[in-house]
Amino acid sequence: MTDHALLIRQLGPADRDTYFQLRLRGLKAHPESFGQSYADALAKGPAQHDAMLQGSRAAEGDFLLGAYASSETPLIGIVGLVRQQRDKERHKAAVVGMYVAPEATGRGVGRALLNELLARAARIDGLHQIQLLVASRNDAARGLYESLGFRKYGCEVAALNVDGVFHDADLMARFM
């Protein structure tokens, strides 16, 4: 599977349940990689994503993307962009919820999702910086981010507490 064979598109309200199920898989498999816990996601349910899935703020920098092997196949990867809302911080947005299903890892899905996210971000007026957090021990993800121009600018020690185990997170940014 290559970038060219993949279908990357903005997710909408009709994608709510498949998006939520894939997100739950990510939260369960890699709790150290997400701020939200599996239990919290279940308690809040899929409706917590409705505003993003409506897409009404996509042009301003709030959207969710999904990856498919083809138009007839299930969702295999997800990523979102959330723009800061305060006036002094509107030049920044954050990559959120990046996850690729295990059956699709190592086949360019994450790169394709991020390439599309960055292409869309480049068209957003006034957006100059994309930030993200990555688990400090996740070398594969950090390598992907670095290959796309993200640079580490700090480390949040004990960023997440997963069942009493603390996980550090690297802070990374890419300037547009």
N, C-alpha and C. Protein backbone atom coordinates (compact mmCIF):
# COMPACT_ATOMS: atom_id res chain seq x y z
N MET A 1 0.85 -1.18 0.00
CA MET A 1 0.00 0.00 0.00
C MET A 1 0.89 1.24 0.00
N THR A 2 0.66 2.15 -0.89
CA THR A 2 1.44 3.38 -0.96
C THR A 2 0.52 4.57 -0.80
N ASP A 3 1.13 5.76 -0.65
CA ASP A 3 0.36 7.00 -0.56
C ASP A 3 -0.67 7.08 -1.69
N HIS A 4 -0.27 6.68 -2.90
CA HIS A 4 -1.11 6.87 -4.07
C HIS A 4 -2.32 5.95 -4.09
N ALA A 5 -2.22 4.79 -3.46
CA ALA A 5 -3.33 3.85 -3.45
C ALA A 5 -4.35 4.19 -2.37
N LEU A 6 -3.96 5.00 -1.42
CA LEU A 6 -4.84 5.31 -0.29
C LEU A 6 -5.85 6.39 -0.64
N LEU A 7 -7.00 6.30 0.01
CA LEU A 7 -7.99 7.35 -0.04
C LEU A 7 -7.93 8.07 1.30
N ILE A 8 -7.60 9.35 1.29
CA ILE A 8 -7.59 10.17 2.50
C ILE A 8 -8.67 11.22 2.30
N ARG A 9 -9.59 11.29 3.25
CA ARG A 9 -10.66 12.29 3.12
C ARG A 9 -11.07 12.82 4.49
N GLN A 10 -11.71 13.99 4.45
CA GLN A 10 -12.24 14.56 5.67
C GLN A 10 -13.43 13.73 6.12
N LEU A 11 -13.46 13.41 7.41
CA LEU A 11 -14.56 12.64 7.96
C LEU A 11 -15.73 13.54 8.29
N GLY A 12 -16.93 13.00 8.15
CA GLY A 12 -18.15 13.76 8.41
C GLY A 12 -19.08 13.00 9.34
N PRO A 13 -20.26 13.54 9.56
CA PRO A 13 -21.22 12.92 10.49
C PRO A 13 -21.52 11.44 10.19
N ALA A 14 -21.55 11.06 8.94
CA ALA A 14 -21.84 9.66 8.58
C ALA A 14 -20.73 8.71 9.02
N ASP A 15 -19.55 9.25 9.31
CA ASP A 15 -18.40 8.43 9.71
C ASP A 15 -18.29 8.28 11.23
N ARG A 16 -19.22 8.83 11.95
CA ARG A 16 -19.12 8.91 13.41
C ARG A 16 -18.83 7.56 14.07
N ASP A 17 -19.61 6.54 13.76
CA ASP A 17 -19.45 5.27 14.46
C ASP A 17 -18.16 4.56 14.08
N THR A 18 -17.79 4.58 12.81
CA THR A 18 -16.54 3.91 12.41
C THR A 18 -15.34 4.67 12.96
N TYR A 19 -15.41 5.99 12.98
CA TYR A 19 -14.34 6.80 13.59
C TYR A 19 -14.21 6.44 15.07
N PHE A 20 -15.33 6.42 15.77
CA PHE A 20 -15.30 6.17 17.21
C PHE A 20 -14.75 4.77 17.51
N GLN A 21 -15.13 3.78 16.73
CA GLN A 21 -14.64 2.42 16.96
C GLN A 21 -13.13 2.33 16.74
N LEU A 22 -12.62 3.00 15.70
CA LEU A 22 -11.18 2.97 15.46
C LEU A 22 -10.44 3.74 16.55
N ARG A 23 -11.01 4.84 16.99
CA ARG A 23 -10.41 5.60 18.09
C ARG A 23 -10.34 4.75 19.36
N LEU A 24 -11.41 4.04 19.66
CA LEU A 24 -11.41 3.16 20.84
C LEU A 24 -10.32 2.10 20.74
N ARG A 25 -10.11 1.56 19.54
CA ARG A 25 -9.04 0.57 19.36
C ARG A 25 -7.69 1.19 19.73
N GLY A 26 -7.46 2.42 19.28
CA GLY A 26 -6.21 3.11 19.58
C GLY A 26 -6.04 3.38 21.06
N LEU A 27 -7.11 3.85 21.70
CA LEU A 27 -7.06 4.15 23.13
C LEU A 27 -6.77 2.90 23.95
N LYS A 28 -7.35 1.79 23.54
CA LYS A 28 -7.15 0.54 24.28
C LYS A 28 -5.75 -0.03 24.05
N ALA A 29 -5.29 0.00 22.80
CA ALA A 29 -4.00 -0.60 22.46
C ALA A 29 -2.81 0.25 22.92
N HIS A 30 -2.96 1.56 22.91
CA HIS A 30 -1.84 2.47 23.22
C HIS A 30 -2.27 3.57 24.18
N PRO A 31 -2.62 3.22 25.42
CA PRO A 31 -3.10 4.24 26.35
C PRO A 31 -2.06 5.32 26.66
N GLU A 32 -0.78 5.01 26.48
CA GLU A 32 0.28 5.98 26.74
C GLU A 32 0.40 7.03 25.64
N SER A 33 -0.36 6.87 24.55
CA SER A 33 -0.25 7.77 23.41
C SER A 33 -1.40 8.76 23.29
N PHE A 34 -2.38 8.67 24.17
CA PHE A 34 -3.55 9.54 24.07
C PHE A 34 -3.88 10.13 25.43
N GLY A 35 -4.29 11.39 25.44
CA GLY A 35 -4.69 12.04 26.68
C GLY A 35 -5.98 11.49 27.24
N GLN A 36 -6.88 11.05 26.37
CA GLN A 36 -8.15 10.50 26.81
C GLN A 36 -8.00 9.01 27.09
N SER A 37 -8.61 8.55 28.17
CA SER A 37 -8.57 7.11 28.47
C SER A 37 -9.69 6.39 27.73
N TYR A 38 -9.54 5.09 27.60
CA TYR A 38 -10.56 4.25 26.99
C TYR A 38 -11.88 4.37 27.76
N ALA A 39 -11.80 4.31 29.10
CA ALA A 39 -13.00 4.39 29.93
C ALA A 39 -13.70 5.74 29.77
N ASP A 40 -12.93 6.82 29.72
CA ASP A 40 -13.51 8.15 29.54
C ASP A 40 -14.19 8.27 28.18
N ALA A 41 -13.54 7.72 27.15
CA ALA A 41 -14.12 7.76 25.79
C ALA A 41 -15.43 6.99 25.76
N LEU A 42 -15.46 5.81 26.38
CA LEU A 42 -16.70 5.03 26.42
C LEU A 42 -17.80 5.79 27.16
N ALA A 43 -17.46 6.41 28.28
CA ALA A 43 -18.45 7.14 29.07
C ALA A 43 -19.03 8.32 28.30
N LYS A 44 -18.20 9.00 27.52
CA LYS A 44 -18.66 10.16 26.75
C LYS A 44 -19.37 9.75 25.47
N GLY A 45 -19.00 8.61 24.92
CA GLY A 45 -19.64 8.10 23.72
C GLY A 45 -19.23 8.82 22.45
N PRO A 46 -19.74 8.35 21.32
CA PRO A 46 -19.34 8.93 20.03
C PRO A 46 -19.79 10.37 19.82
N ALA A 47 -20.81 10.80 20.55
CA ALA A 47 -21.32 12.17 20.38
C ALA A 47 -20.27 13.23 20.71
N GLN A 48 -19.24 12.87 21.50
CA GLN A 48 -18.21 13.84 21.85
C GLN A 48 -17.47 14.36 20.61
N HIS A 49 -17.56 13.65 19.51
CA HIS A 49 -16.85 14.04 18.29
C HIS A 49 -17.76 14.73 17.26
N ASP A 50 -19.02 14.90 17.58
CA ASP A 50 -19.98 15.44 16.62
C ASP A 50 -19.59 16.81 16.08
N ALA A 51 -19.13 17.71 16.95
CA ALA A 51 -18.79 19.06 16.49
C ALA A 51 -17.67 19.02 15.45
N MET A 52 -16.64 18.22 15.70
CA MET A 52 -15.53 18.11 14.73
C MET A 52 -16.02 17.47 13.44
N LEU A 53 -16.86 16.45 13.56
CA LEU A 53 -17.33 15.74 12.38
C LEU A 53 -18.29 16.57 11.53
N GLN A 54 -18.92 17.59 12.13
CA GLN A 54 -19.79 18.48 11.35
C GLN A 54 -18.99 19.21 10.27
N GLY A 55 -17.72 19.48 10.58
CA GLY A 55 -16.84 20.11 9.60
C GLY A 55 -17.07 21.59 9.38
N SER A 56 -17.89 22.22 10.21
CA SER A 56 -18.20 23.64 10.01
C SER A 56 -17.00 24.55 10.26
N ARG A 57 -15.98 24.06 10.94
CA ARG A 57 -14.79 24.87 11.21
C ARG A 57 -13.55 24.33 10.49
N ALA A 58 -13.76 23.46 9.53
CA ALA A 58 -12.63 22.85 8.81
C ALA A 58 -11.76 23.90 8.12
N ALA A 59 -12.36 24.89 7.52
CA ALA A 59 -11.60 25.92 6.81
C ALA A 59 -10.74 26.75 7.76
N GLU A 60 -11.15 26.80 9.04
CA GLU A 60 -10.38 27.54 10.04
C GLU A 60 -9.33 26.68 10.73
N GLY A 61 -9.38 25.36 10.53
CA GLY A 61 -8.34 24.51 11.10
C GLY A 61 -8.78 23.46 12.08
N ASP A 62 -10.06 23.12 12.12
CA ASP A 62 -10.56 22.05 12.98
C ASP A 62 -11.19 20.98 12.11
N PHE A 63 -10.50 19.85 11.94
CA PHE A 63 -11.05 18.78 11.10
C PHE A 63 -10.47 17.43 11.49
N LEU A 64 -11.15 16.39 11.05
CA LEU A 64 -10.71 15.01 11.23
C LEU A 64 -10.55 14.38 9.86
N LEU A 65 -9.46 13.65 9.67
CA LEU A 65 -9.21 12.95 8.41
C LEU A 65 -9.21 11.45 8.66
N GLY A 66 -9.62 10.72 7.63
CA GLY A 66 -9.60 9.27 7.70
C GLY A 66 -8.88 8.69 6.51
N ALA A 67 -8.27 7.53 6.71
CA ALA A 67 -7.56 6.83 5.63
C ALA A 67 -8.26 5.51 5.35
N TYR A 68 -8.36 5.21 4.06
CA TYR A 68 -8.97 3.97 3.58
C TYR A 68 -8.07 3.38 2.51
N ALA A 69 -7.97 2.04 2.48
CA ALA A 69 -7.19 1.38 1.43
C ALA A 69 -7.84 1.64 0.07
N SER A 70 -9.18 1.75 0.04
CA SER A 70 -9.95 2.13 -1.16
C SER A 70 -11.31 2.60 -0.68
N SER A 71 -12.13 3.06 -1.60
CA SER A 71 -13.44 3.60 -1.22
C SER A 71 -14.38 2.52 -0.68
N GLU A 72 -14.08 1.25 -0.92
CA GLU A 72 -14.94 0.16 -0.45
C GLU A 72 -14.41 -0.54 0.80
N THR A 73 -13.32 -0.05 1.38
CA THR A 73 -12.72 -0.74 2.52
C THR A 73 -12.94 0.04 3.81
N PRO A 74 -12.76 -0.62 4.97
CA PRO A 74 -12.97 0.06 6.25
C PRO A 74 -11.90 1.12 6.55
N LEU A 75 -12.23 1.97 7.47
CA LEU A 75 -11.33 3.01 7.97
C LEU A 75 -10.12 2.35 8.62
N ILE A 76 -8.91 2.79 8.22
CA ILE A 76 -7.69 2.17 8.76
C ILE A 76 -6.77 3.16 9.46
N GLY A 77 -7.07 4.45 9.38
CA GLY A 77 -6.24 5.45 10.04
C GLY A 77 -7.00 6.74 10.25
N ILE A 78 -6.64 7.45 11.31
CA ILE A 78 -7.31 8.71 11.64
C ILE A 78 -6.30 9.72 12.19
N VAL A 79 -6.61 10.98 11.98
CA VAL A 79 -5.84 12.07 12.56
C VAL A 79 -6.71 13.32 12.54
N GLY A 80 -6.45 14.23 13.47
CA GLY A 80 -7.20 15.48 13.51
C GLY A 80 -6.28 16.67 13.66
N LEU A 81 -6.83 17.83 13.35
CA LEU A 81 -6.14 19.10 13.58
C LEU A 81 -7.10 19.98 14.35
N VAL A 82 -6.60 20.60 15.42
CA VAL A 82 -7.40 21.51 16.24
C VAL A 82 -6.63 22.81 16.37
N ARG A 83 -7.26 23.89 15.92
CA ARG A 83 -6.62 25.21 15.97
C ARG A 83 -6.90 25.89 17.30
N GLN A 84 -5.90 26.58 17.80
CA GLN A 84 -6.07 27.37 19.01
C GLN A 84 -7.09 28.48 18.75
N GLN A 85 -7.91 28.80 19.74
CA GLN A 85 -8.99 29.77 19.54
C GLN A 85 -8.69 31.16 20.09
N ARG A 86 -7.76 31.26 21.04
CA ARG A 86 -7.46 32.58 21.60
C ARG A 86 -6.69 33.42 20.59
N ASP A 87 -6.99 34.70 20.53
CA ASP A 87 -6.41 35.60 19.53
C ASP A 87 -4.89 35.50 19.43
N LYS A 88 -4.22 35.49 20.56
CA LYS A 88 -2.75 35.49 20.57
C LYS A 88 -2.16 34.14 20.20
N GLU A 89 -3.00 33.11 20.09
CA GLU A 89 -2.50 31.77 19.79
C GLU A 89 -3.10 31.17 18.51
N ARG A 90 -3.86 31.95 17.76
CA ARG A 90 -4.52 31.43 16.56
C ARG A 90 -3.55 31.07 15.44
N HIS A 91 -2.30 31.42 15.60
CA HIS A 91 -1.29 31.04 14.59
C HIS A 91 -0.84 29.59 14.77
N LYS A 92 -1.38 28.90 15.81
CA LYS A 92 -0.97 27.54 16.13
C LYS A 92 -2.16 26.58 16.04
N ALA A 93 -1.85 25.35 15.68
CA ALA A 93 -2.83 24.26 15.71
C ALA A 93 -2.10 23.01 16.17
N ALA A 94 -2.86 22.02 16.65
CA ALA A 94 -2.27 20.79 17.16
C ALA A 94 -2.78 19.57 16.41
N VAL A 95 -1.87 18.66 16.12
CA VAL A 95 -2.22 17.35 15.59
C VAL A 95 -2.77 16.54 16.76
N VAL A 96 -3.93 15.92 16.57
CA VAL A 96 -4.56 15.15 17.65
C VAL A 96 -5.06 13.80 17.13
N GLY A 97 -5.08 12.83 18.03
CA GLY A 97 -5.74 11.57 17.76
C GLY A 97 -5.16 10.73 16.63
N MET A 98 -3.87 10.84 16.38
CA MET A 98 -3.25 10.07 15.29
C MET A 98 -3.24 8.59 15.65
N TYR A 99 -3.81 7.78 14.76
CA TYR A 99 -3.80 6.33 14.99
C TYR A 99 -3.96 5.61 13.66
N VAL A 100 -3.16 4.57 13.50
CA VAL A 100 -3.25 3.68 12.34
C VAL A 100 -3.49 2.28 12.87
N ALA A 101 -4.50 1.61 12.32
CA ALA A 101 -4.82 0.24 12.74
C ALA A 101 -3.62 -0.67 12.53
N PRO A 102 -3.40 -1.63 13.43
CA PRO A 102 -2.23 -2.50 13.34
C PRO A 102 -2.11 -3.22 11.99
N GLU A 103 -3.24 -3.59 11.41
CA GLU A 103 -3.19 -4.30 10.13
C GLU A 103 -2.73 -3.41 8.97
N ALA A 104 -2.61 -2.11 9.21
CA ALA A 104 -2.20 -1.18 8.17
C ALA A 104 -0.87 -0.48 8.47
N THR A 105 -0.24 -0.78 9.61
CA THR A 105 1.00 -0.10 9.95
C THR A 105 2.12 -0.52 9.00
N GLY A 106 3.06 0.39 8.82
CA GLY A 106 4.22 0.13 7.98
C GLY A 106 3.94 0.21 6.49
N ARG A 107 2.79 0.74 6.13
CA ARG A 107 2.42 0.80 4.71
C ARG A 107 2.15 2.22 4.22
N GLY A 108 2.63 3.20 4.97
CA GLY A 108 2.51 4.58 4.51
C GLY A 108 1.23 5.29 4.88
N VAL A 109 0.39 4.66 5.68
CA VAL A 109 -0.90 5.26 6.04
C VAL A 109 -0.70 6.51 6.90
N GLY A 110 0.14 6.42 7.93
CA GLY A 110 0.39 7.57 8.78
C GLY A 110 0.98 8.73 8.02
N ARG A 111 1.94 8.44 7.16
CA ARG A 111 2.56 9.49 6.33
C ARG A 111 1.52 10.14 5.41
N ALA A 112 0.67 9.34 4.80
CA ALA A 112 -0.36 9.89 3.91
C ALA A 112 -1.33 10.78 4.67
N LEU A 113 -1.74 10.34 5.85
CA LEU A 113 -2.63 11.16 6.67
C LEU A 113 -1.98 12.50 7.02
N LEU A 114 -0.74 12.44 7.47
CA LEU A 114 -0.04 13.68 7.86
C LEU A 114 0.24 14.57 6.66
N ASN A 115 0.58 13.99 5.52
CA ASN A 115 0.80 14.81 4.33
C ASN A 115 -0.47 15.58 3.96
N GLU A 116 -1.62 14.91 4.03
CA GLU A 116 -2.88 15.59 3.72
C GLU A 116 -3.20 16.64 4.77
N LEU A 117 -2.97 16.33 6.05
CA LEU A 117 -3.20 17.30 7.11
C LEU A 117 -2.34 18.54 6.89
N LEU A 118 -1.06 18.34 6.58
CA LEU A 118 -0.15 19.47 6.37
C LEU A 118 -0.53 20.28 5.13
N ALA A 119 -0.97 19.60 4.08
CA ALA A 119 -1.40 20.32 2.86
C ALA A 119 -2.62 21.19 3.16
N ARG A 120 -3.56 20.66 3.90
CA ARG A 120 -4.74 21.44 4.27
C ARG A 120 -4.36 22.59 5.20
N ALA A 121 -3.47 22.31 6.16
CA ALA A 121 -3.05 23.35 7.10
C ALA A 121 -2.35 24.50 6.38
N ALA A 122 -1.60 24.19 5.33
CA ALA A 122 -0.88 25.23 4.58
C ALA A 122 -1.83 26.21 3.91
N ARG A 123 -3.08 25.80 3.68
CA ARG A 123 -4.07 26.67 3.01
C ARG A 123 -4.89 27.49 4.00
N ILE A 124 -4.63 27.33 5.30
CA ILE A 124 -5.42 28.03 6.31
C ILE A 124 -4.77 29.37 6.63
N ASP A 125 -5.51 30.42 6.39
CA ASP A 125 -5.01 31.78 6.59
C ASP A 125 -4.60 32.01 8.04
N GLY A 126 -3.39 32.50 8.22
CA GLY A 126 -2.90 32.87 9.54
C GLY A 126 -2.33 31.73 10.36
N LEU A 127 -2.33 30.52 9.84
CA LEU A 127 -1.78 29.38 10.57
C LEU A 127 -0.30 29.24 10.23
N HIS A 128 0.55 29.31 11.25
CA HIS A 128 2.00 29.30 11.03
C HIS A 128 2.73 28.16 11.70
N GLN A 129 2.07 27.48 12.66
CA GLN A 129 2.78 26.46 13.42
C GLN A 129 1.85 25.29 13.74
N ILE A 130 2.35 24.08 13.52
CA ILE A 130 1.63 22.86 13.87
C ILE A 130 2.41 22.19 14.99
N GLN A 131 1.73 21.88 16.06
CA GLN A 131 2.36 21.25 17.23
C GLN A 131 1.79 19.86 17.45
N LEU A 132 2.52 19.04 18.19
CA LEU A 132 2.02 17.74 18.60
C LEU A 132 2.79 17.25 19.80
N LEU A 133 2.22 16.27 20.47
CA LEU A 133 2.90 15.56 21.54
C LEU A 133 3.00 14.10 21.11
N VAL A 134 4.14 13.49 21.39
CA VAL A 134 4.33 12.08 21.06
C VAL A 134 4.99 11.41 22.26
N ALA A 135 4.53 10.21 22.57
CA ALA A 135 5.13 9.47 23.68
C ALA A 135 6.64 9.37 23.44
N SER A 136 7.41 9.74 24.44
CA SER A 136 8.87 9.80 24.29
C SER A 136 9.48 8.48 23.86
N ARG A 137 8.86 7.37 24.20
CA ARG A 137 9.39 6.06 23.83
C ARG A 137 8.89 5.57 22.46
N ASN A 138 8.06 6.34 21.80
CA ASN A 138 7.50 5.92 20.51
C ASN A 138 8.43 6.39 19.39
N ASP A 139 9.51 5.65 19.19
CA ASP A 139 10.52 6.02 18.21
C ASP A 139 9.98 6.04 16.78
N ALA A 140 9.11 5.11 16.44
CA ALA A 140 8.56 5.04 15.08
C ALA A 140 7.76 6.30 14.76
N ALA A 141 6.88 6.70 15.67
CA ALA A 141 6.07 7.89 15.43
C ALA A 141 6.95 9.14 15.38
N ARG A 142 7.89 9.25 16.32
CA ARG A 142 8.76 10.43 16.33
C ARG A 142 9.56 10.51 15.03
N GLY A 143 10.05 9.36 14.55
CA GLY A 143 10.78 9.33 13.28
C GLY A 143 9.93 9.81 12.11
N LEU A 144 8.67 9.39 12.08
CA LEU A 144 7.76 9.84 11.03
C LEU A 144 7.58 11.35 11.11
N TYR A 145 7.31 11.86 12.30
CA TYR A 145 7.12 13.31 12.47
C TYR A 145 8.36 14.09 12.07
N GLU A 146 9.53 13.61 12.47
CA GLU A 146 10.77 14.30 12.10
C GLU A 146 10.97 14.29 10.59
N SER A 147 10.62 13.21 9.92
CA SER A 147 10.78 13.13 8.47
C SER A 147 9.88 14.12 7.73
N LEU A 148 8.84 14.58 8.42
CA LEU A 148 7.91 15.55 7.83
C LEU A 148 8.18 16.98 8.31
N GLY A 149 9.31 17.18 8.98
CA GLY A 149 9.72 18.53 9.35
C GLY A 149 9.39 18.95 10.77
N PHE A 150 8.83 18.08 11.57
CA PHE A 150 8.59 18.41 12.97
C PHE A 150 9.90 18.30 13.74
N ARG A 151 10.10 19.22 14.70
CA ARG A 151 11.30 19.21 15.52
C ARG A 151 10.91 19.25 16.99
N LYS A 152 11.64 18.47 17.79
CA LYS A 152 11.39 18.44 19.23
C LYS A 152 11.86 19.76 19.84
N TYR A 153 11.01 20.34 20.69
CA TYR A 153 11.40 21.57 21.39
C TYR A 153 11.29 21.42 22.90
N GLY A 154 10.91 20.24 23.36
CA GLY A 154 10.83 20.04 24.79
C GLY A 154 10.31 18.66 25.13
N CYS A 155 10.28 18.39 26.42
CA CYS A 155 9.76 17.12 26.91
C CYS A 155 8.94 17.40 28.15
N GLU A 156 7.71 16.92 28.16
CA GLU A 156 6.88 17.02 29.35
C GLU A 156 7.07 15.73 30.14
N VAL A 157 7.75 15.87 31.27
CA VAL A 157 8.02 14.72 32.13
C VAL A 157 6.72 14.30 32.81
N ALA A 158 6.47 13.01 32.83
CA ALA A 158 5.26 12.46 33.45
C ALA A 158 4.00 13.10 32.88
N ALA A 159 3.95 13.22 31.57
CA ALA A 159 2.82 13.85 30.90
C ALA A 159 1.52 13.07 31.12
N LEU A 160 1.61 11.75 31.14
CA LEU A 160 0.42 10.92 31.32
C LEU A 160 0.67 9.88 32.42
N ASN A 161 -0.36 9.63 33.17
CA ASN A 161 -0.34 8.61 34.21
C ASN A 161 -1.30 7.52 33.76
N VAL A 162 -0.75 6.37 33.34
CA VAL A 162 -1.56 5.25 32.88
C VAL A 162 -1.44 4.14 33.90
N ASP A 163 -2.49 3.96 34.68
CA ASP A 163 -2.52 2.91 35.71
C ASP A 163 -1.30 2.98 36.64
N GLY A 164 -0.94 4.19 37.06
CA GLY A 164 0.15 4.37 38.00
C GLY A 164 1.53 4.41 37.39
N VAL A 165 1.62 4.27 36.07
CA VAL A 165 2.90 4.35 35.37
C VAL A 165 2.94 5.68 34.62
N PHE A 166 3.98 6.46 34.86
CA PHE A 166 4.10 7.77 34.23
C PHE A 166 4.85 7.67 32.90
N HIS A 167 4.35 8.41 31.92
CA HIS A 167 4.93 8.41 30.57
C HIS A 167 5.28 9.84 30.18
N ASP A 168 6.51 10.04 29.72
CA ASP A 168 6.93 11.34 29.22
C ASP A 168 6.41 11.55 27.79
N ALA A 169 6.29 12.81 27.41
CA ALA A 169 5.85 13.14 26.05
C ALA A 169 6.79 14.20 25.46
N ASP A 170 7.23 13.95 24.24
CA ASP A 170 8.04 14.95 23.53
C ASP A 170 7.11 15.95 22.87
N LEU A 171 7.45 17.23 23.00
CA LEU A 171 6.70 18.30 22.35
C LEU A 171 7.42 18.59 21.04
N MET A 172 6.67 18.60 19.95
CA MET A 172 7.25 18.83 18.63
C MET A 172 6.45 19.91 17.90
N ALA A 173 7.14 20.61 17.01
CA ALA A 173 6.48 21.65 16.22
C ALA A 173 7.04 21.67 14.81
N ARG A 174 6.22 22.12 13.89
CA ARG A 174 6.62 22.33 12.50
C ARG A 174 6.08 23.68 12.07
N PHE A 175 6.97 24.51 11.54
CA PHE A 175 6.56 25.83 11.09
C PHE A 175 6.18 25.77 9.63
N MET A 176 5.10 26.45 9.28
CA MET A 176 4.58 26.42 7.92
C MET A 176 5.37 27.37 7.03
